């Protein structure tokens, strides 16, 4: 059994994590085997996020005064949390992919950028393109007008060269 001082340190550390994490998913993990839990932890870690199994009372106490307070009230059953400090889409994708393989893994609630979301929104979030894909599409859209302008400017010179070449072949220029 843990000492009271150790419990207080755990509470303070969890409270700090809840205060920093803008994106958090509360999940249920009942009936998950150890090997499945290891796979889940690896998937979450690969997405650049963190995963913790928490006691409901500890989670509720640690969430007081943080954005997570709304979703940590009245938790029942075995609870785990997955959270990230930057890209919620990558975490949502990792969790929903895992949930498809392991149906006993369930979502309870979530917070994305400080706003409470429900289970349906978590699935919608997982279907969004990743941050890198969005940046690539944005860069393509910004680059496309410049490419069209360069192509148009090249077309004028190319067309003039073709006309002059044909005129020379047909001896249209007399000296």
Foldseek 3Di string as FASTA:
>chain_A
DDDPVVLVVVLQVLLVVLQQFQKKWKKADPPDDPVLVVVLQVQLVVLVKGKFWDDLVSNCSSCPPHLCNVQSPPDDHTIMMITHNDWNLSNLLSQVVSCVVPVSMGTRWIGHRSRTDHPVVSVVSPPDDGPVVVVVVVVCVVCVVVVVVVVVVVVVVVVVVVVVVVCVVVVVDDD
